[in-house]
Protein backbone atom coordinates (compact mmCIF):
# COMPACT_ATOMS: atom_id res chain seq x y z
CA MET A 1 -24.63 82.55 24.39
CA GLN A 2 -23.73 84.10 21.02
CA ALA A 3 -23.60 80.60 19.52
CA ILE A 4 -27.21 80.08 20.60
CA GLU A 5 -28.32 83.34 18.98
CA THR A 6 -26.75 82.57 15.59
CA ALA A 7 -27.51 78.85 15.47
CA HIS A 8 -30.14 77.51 13.05
CA LEU A 9 -33.12 76.90 15.31
CA ASN A 10 -35.68 76.21 12.59
CA PRO A 11 -37.26 72.73 12.68
CA THR A 12 -35.33 70.04 10.82
CA ALA A 13 -36.95 68.19 7.92
CA LYS A 14 -37.80 65.32 10.26
CA GLN A 15 -39.29 67.67 12.87
CA ASP A 16 -41.30 69.56 10.22
CA ARG A 17 -42.68 66.29 8.85
CA ARG A 18 -43.74 65.29 12.35
CA ILE A 19 -45.47 68.66 12.81
CA ARG A 20 -47.42 68.27 9.56
CA GLU A 21 -48.45 64.75 10.48
CA SER A 22 -49.58 65.92 13.93
CA VAL A 23 -51.67 68.77 12.50
CA ALA A 24 -53.18 66.47 9.83
CA ASP A 25 -54.11 63.97 12.54
CA ALA A 26 -55.71 66.77 14.63
CA ILE A 27 -57.77 67.87 11.60
CA GLN A 28 -58.87 64.30 10.94
CA ARG A 29 -59.99 63.93 14.55
CA GLY A 30 -61.91 67.19 14.34
CA GLN A 31 -59.73 68.92 16.91
CA VAL A 32 -58.57 71.51 14.37
CA GLY A 33 -60.60 73.02 11.55
CA PRO A 34 -59.11 73.24 8.03
CA ALA A 35 -59.18 77.03 8.29
CA GLN A 36 -56.98 76.85 11.39
CA LYS A 37 -54.34 74.63 9.78
CA LYS A 38 -51.95 77.44 8.85
CA ALA A 39 -52.11 79.06 12.31
CA TRP A 40 -51.55 75.69 14.02
CA MET A 41 -48.58 74.93 11.75
CA THR A 42 -47.01 78.31 12.56
CA GLN A 43 -47.58 77.86 16.28
CA ALA A 44 -46.16 74.32 16.22
CA ARG A 45 -43.05 75.45 14.35
CA GLU A 46 -42.45 78.30 16.82
CA GLY A 47 -42.79 75.82 19.67
CA GLN A 48 -40.23 73.56 17.99
CA LYS A 49 -37.82 76.50 17.67
CA LEU A 50 -38.05 77.08 21.43
CA ALA A 51 -37.46 73.37 22.04
CA ASN A 52 -34.42 73.42 19.74
CA ARG A 53 -33.07 76.49 21.53
CA SER A 54 -33.47 74.83 24.94
CA SER A 55 -31.74 71.71 23.63
CA LEU A 56 -28.79 73.74 22.36
CA MET A 57 -28.51 75.67 25.62
CA TRP A 58 -28.48 72.40 27.57
CA HIS A 59 -25.81 71.04 25.22
CA VAL A 60 -23.58 74.10 25.69
CA GLU A 61 -24.07 74.08 29.46
CA ARG A 62 -23.16 70.39 29.63
CA LEU A 63 -19.96 71.02 27.63
CA ALA A 64 -19.02 74.02 29.75
CA THR A 65 -19.46 72.21 33.08
CA SER A 66 -18.34 68.70 32.20
CA VAL A 67 -15.11 67.39 33.71
CA LYS A 68 -12.34 67.02 31.16
CA LYS A 69 -9.89 64.25 31.95
CA ILE A 70 -6.50 65.63 30.95
CA PRO A 71 -3.61 63.17 31.10
CA GLY A 72 -1.17 64.36 33.73
CA GLU A 73 2.54 64.69 33.19
CA PRO A 74 4.22 63.44 36.40
CA GLU A 75 7.65 64.13 34.88
CA VAL A 76 6.91 67.87 35.08
CA LEU A 77 7.60 67.84 38.81
CA GLU A 78 10.91 66.05 38.27
CA ASP A 79 11.83 68.56 35.56
CA LEU A 80 11.08 71.50 37.86
CA LEU A 81 13.08 70.09 40.75
CA SER A 82 16.04 69.20 38.55
CA ALA A 83 16.07 72.52 36.63
CA GLY A 84 19.25 74.50 37.17
CA THR A 85 18.40 77.86 35.64
CA PRO A 86 15.47 80.32 35.72
CA GLU A 87 15.28 80.06 31.91
CA ARG A 88 14.62 76.32 32.19
CA ILE A 89 11.87 76.94 34.75
CA ARG A 90 10.17 79.43 32.42
CA GLU A 91 10.48 77.01 29.51
CA ILE A 92 8.73 74.29 31.52
CA CYS A 93 5.99 76.73 32.59
CA GLU A 94 5.25 77.60 28.96
CA ASP A 95 4.02 74.03 28.55
CA ALA A 96 1.57 74.30 31.46
CA HIS A 97 -1.33 74.95 29.08
CA ILE A 98 -2.22 74.04 25.52
CA VAL A 99 -4.75 75.55 23.13
CA THR A 100 -7.26 73.07 21.77
CA THR A 101 -10.47 73.28 19.75
CA ILE A 102 -13.77 72.06 21.20
CA GLU A 103 -17.32 71.97 19.86
CA THR A 104 -19.45 74.30 22.00
CA ALA A 105 -22.63 73.63 20.00
CA PRO A 106 -23.46 71.45 16.99
CA GLY A 107 -21.23 72.78 14.20
CA VAL A 108 -19.83 75.59 16.39
CA PHE A 109 -16.14 75.31 17.34
CA ARG A 110 -14.05 77.44 19.66
CA GLU A 111 -10.41 77.53 20.74
CA VAL A 112 -9.93 77.16 24.50
CA GLN A 113 -6.93 76.87 26.80
CA MET A 114 -6.60 73.55 28.62
CA PRO A 115 -4.13 72.63 31.40
CA ASN A 116 -1.28 70.28 30.62
CA TRP A 117 -0.49 70.02 34.32
CA PRO A 118 -2.93 68.54 36.87
CA LEU A 119 -4.05 71.99 38.03
CA PRO A 120 -7.42 73.24 39.29
CA TYR A 121 -9.25 75.69 37.04
CA GLY A 122 -7.87 79.23 37.37
CA SER A 123 -4.63 78.20 39.09
CA LEU A 124 -1.92 80.85 38.75
CA LEU A 125 0.93 78.54 39.76
CA PRO A 126 2.60 78.49 36.30
CA VAL A 127 2.36 82.30 36.10
CA TYR A 128 3.88 82.91 39.54
CA LEU A 129 6.48 80.18 39.05
CA SER A 130 7.60 81.70 35.77
CA GLU A 131 7.59 85.23 37.20
CA HIS A 132 9.66 84.22 40.24
CA ALA A 133 11.84 81.59 38.57
CA ASP A 134 14.99 83.25 39.97
CA ALA A 135 13.68 82.93 43.53
CA PHE A 136 12.71 79.31 42.88
CA ILE A 137 16.23 78.42 41.74
CA ALA A 138 17.77 80.39 44.62
CA ALA A 139 15.58 78.52 47.12
CA LYS A 140 16.93 75.19 45.86
CA SER A 141 20.45 76.47 46.63
CA ASP A 142 19.53 77.50 50.17
CA SER A 143 21.44 75.64 52.86
CA ARG A 144 18.17 74.59 54.53
CA TYR A 145 16.62 73.11 51.37
CA PRO A 146 16.17 69.32 51.87
CA LYS A 147 18.65 67.78 49.42
CA SER A 148 17.99 64.12 50.16
CA GLU A 149 16.86 62.03 47.19
CA ARG A 150 14.65 59.83 49.35
CA THR A 151 10.96 59.68 48.48
CA SER A 152 10.07 60.77 52.01
CA SER A 153 11.91 64.07 51.43
CA ARG A 154 9.77 65.07 48.45
CA LEU A 155 7.01 66.67 50.55
CA LYS A 156 9.63 68.55 52.56
CA GLN A 157 11.18 69.88 49.35
CA LEU A 158 7.81 70.99 47.97
CA TRP A 159 6.84 72.64 51.25
CA PHE A 160 10.15 74.52 51.34
CA LEU A 161 9.79 75.72 47.75
CA SER A 162 6.13 76.70 48.19
CA ARG A 163 7.06 78.93 51.14
CA ALA A 164 9.88 80.48 49.14
CA LEU A 165 7.58 81.11 46.19
CA ALA A 166 4.92 82.63 48.44
CA GLY A 167 7.52 84.92 49.92
CA ALA A 168 8.82 85.94 46.49
CA SER A 169 5.33 87.02 45.45
CA PHE A 170 5.46 89.54 48.34
CA ASN A 171 9.07 90.54 47.64
CA ILE A 172 10.25 88.65 50.72
CA SER A 173 13.51 86.73 50.69
CA THR A 174 13.51 82.95 50.96
CA ARG A 175 15.14 82.98 54.40
CA THR A 176 12.61 85.49 55.76
CA ALA A 177 9.66 83.57 54.27
CA ILE A 178 10.86 80.31 55.79
CA ASN A 179 11.29 81.96 59.20
CA LEU A 180 7.88 83.64 59.07
CA VAL A 181 5.92 80.54 58.08
CA GLY A 182 8.00 78.01 60.00
CA SER A 183 8.66 74.40 59.16
CA THR A 184 5.29 73.00 60.22
CA ARG A 185 3.27 71.86 57.21
CA PRO A 186 -0.43 72.86 56.85
CA GLU A 187 -1.78 69.39 57.71
CA GLU A 188 0.43 69.30 60.81
CA VAL A 189 -0.85 72.71 61.88
CA PHE A 190 -4.43 71.45 61.63
CA GLU A 191 -3.68 68.23 63.52
CA GLY A 192 -2.37 70.25 66.43
CA SER A 193 -5.10 72.85 66.35
CA ARG A 194 -8.20 73.04 68.48
CA ALA A 195 -10.36 72.44 65.39
CA ALA A 196 -8.90 68.94 64.98
CA ARG A 197 -9.73 67.90 68.52
CA PRO A 198 -12.96 65.97 69.11
CA ARG A 199 -15.67 67.96 70.73
CA ARG A 200 -16.29 67.24 74.35
CA LYS A 201 -19.77 66.32 75.34
CA ARG A 202 -21.34 68.87 77.57
CA ARG A 203 -22.51 67.64 80.90
CA LYS A 204 -26.16 68.07 81.51
CA SER A 205 -26.74 70.59 84.24
CA LYS A 206 -28.58 69.35 87.29
CA THR A 207 -31.89 70.93 87.85
């Protein structure tokens, strides 16, 4: 909003020329008297300022809400799963975001933080992962961690590590977290729940 307040909202040369031509045409048609010319010019310029302000606000809103397509880095997942030390995990997490410069209004630039990973806005995954890097590495050494290199084991590995990371955020050991949550994945829990079952049609009561 500060950018809107400090931006130059006065009519451009082209807009001012259009205003003068419009007022001159109104005088020629008899819609405006010569004595009213100055007042009409002032009023028209103020109206143009409001229009310029609205245009800038729309421009800023569009930039703030537009979807930015950030190229993903699929090798990040491989790097995390192959990391052998907490220091390496933290090093990878440092690259989760980059600082870039965007134009928030015509001629107004601002530095913003953009995700390098395919993360939803506001995700704290890199923060928690870096904070609990020791627990993440320890979970990979757990005897129950799926160690198969098959593609079908990837979801099992991620589900195991996500439970361990969730437990670490509550100061719960990996083994306890795994036992508390269980091995059933979220989508499997839903499939077996009452919410996933089709609703039965109620029989109409006989009157």
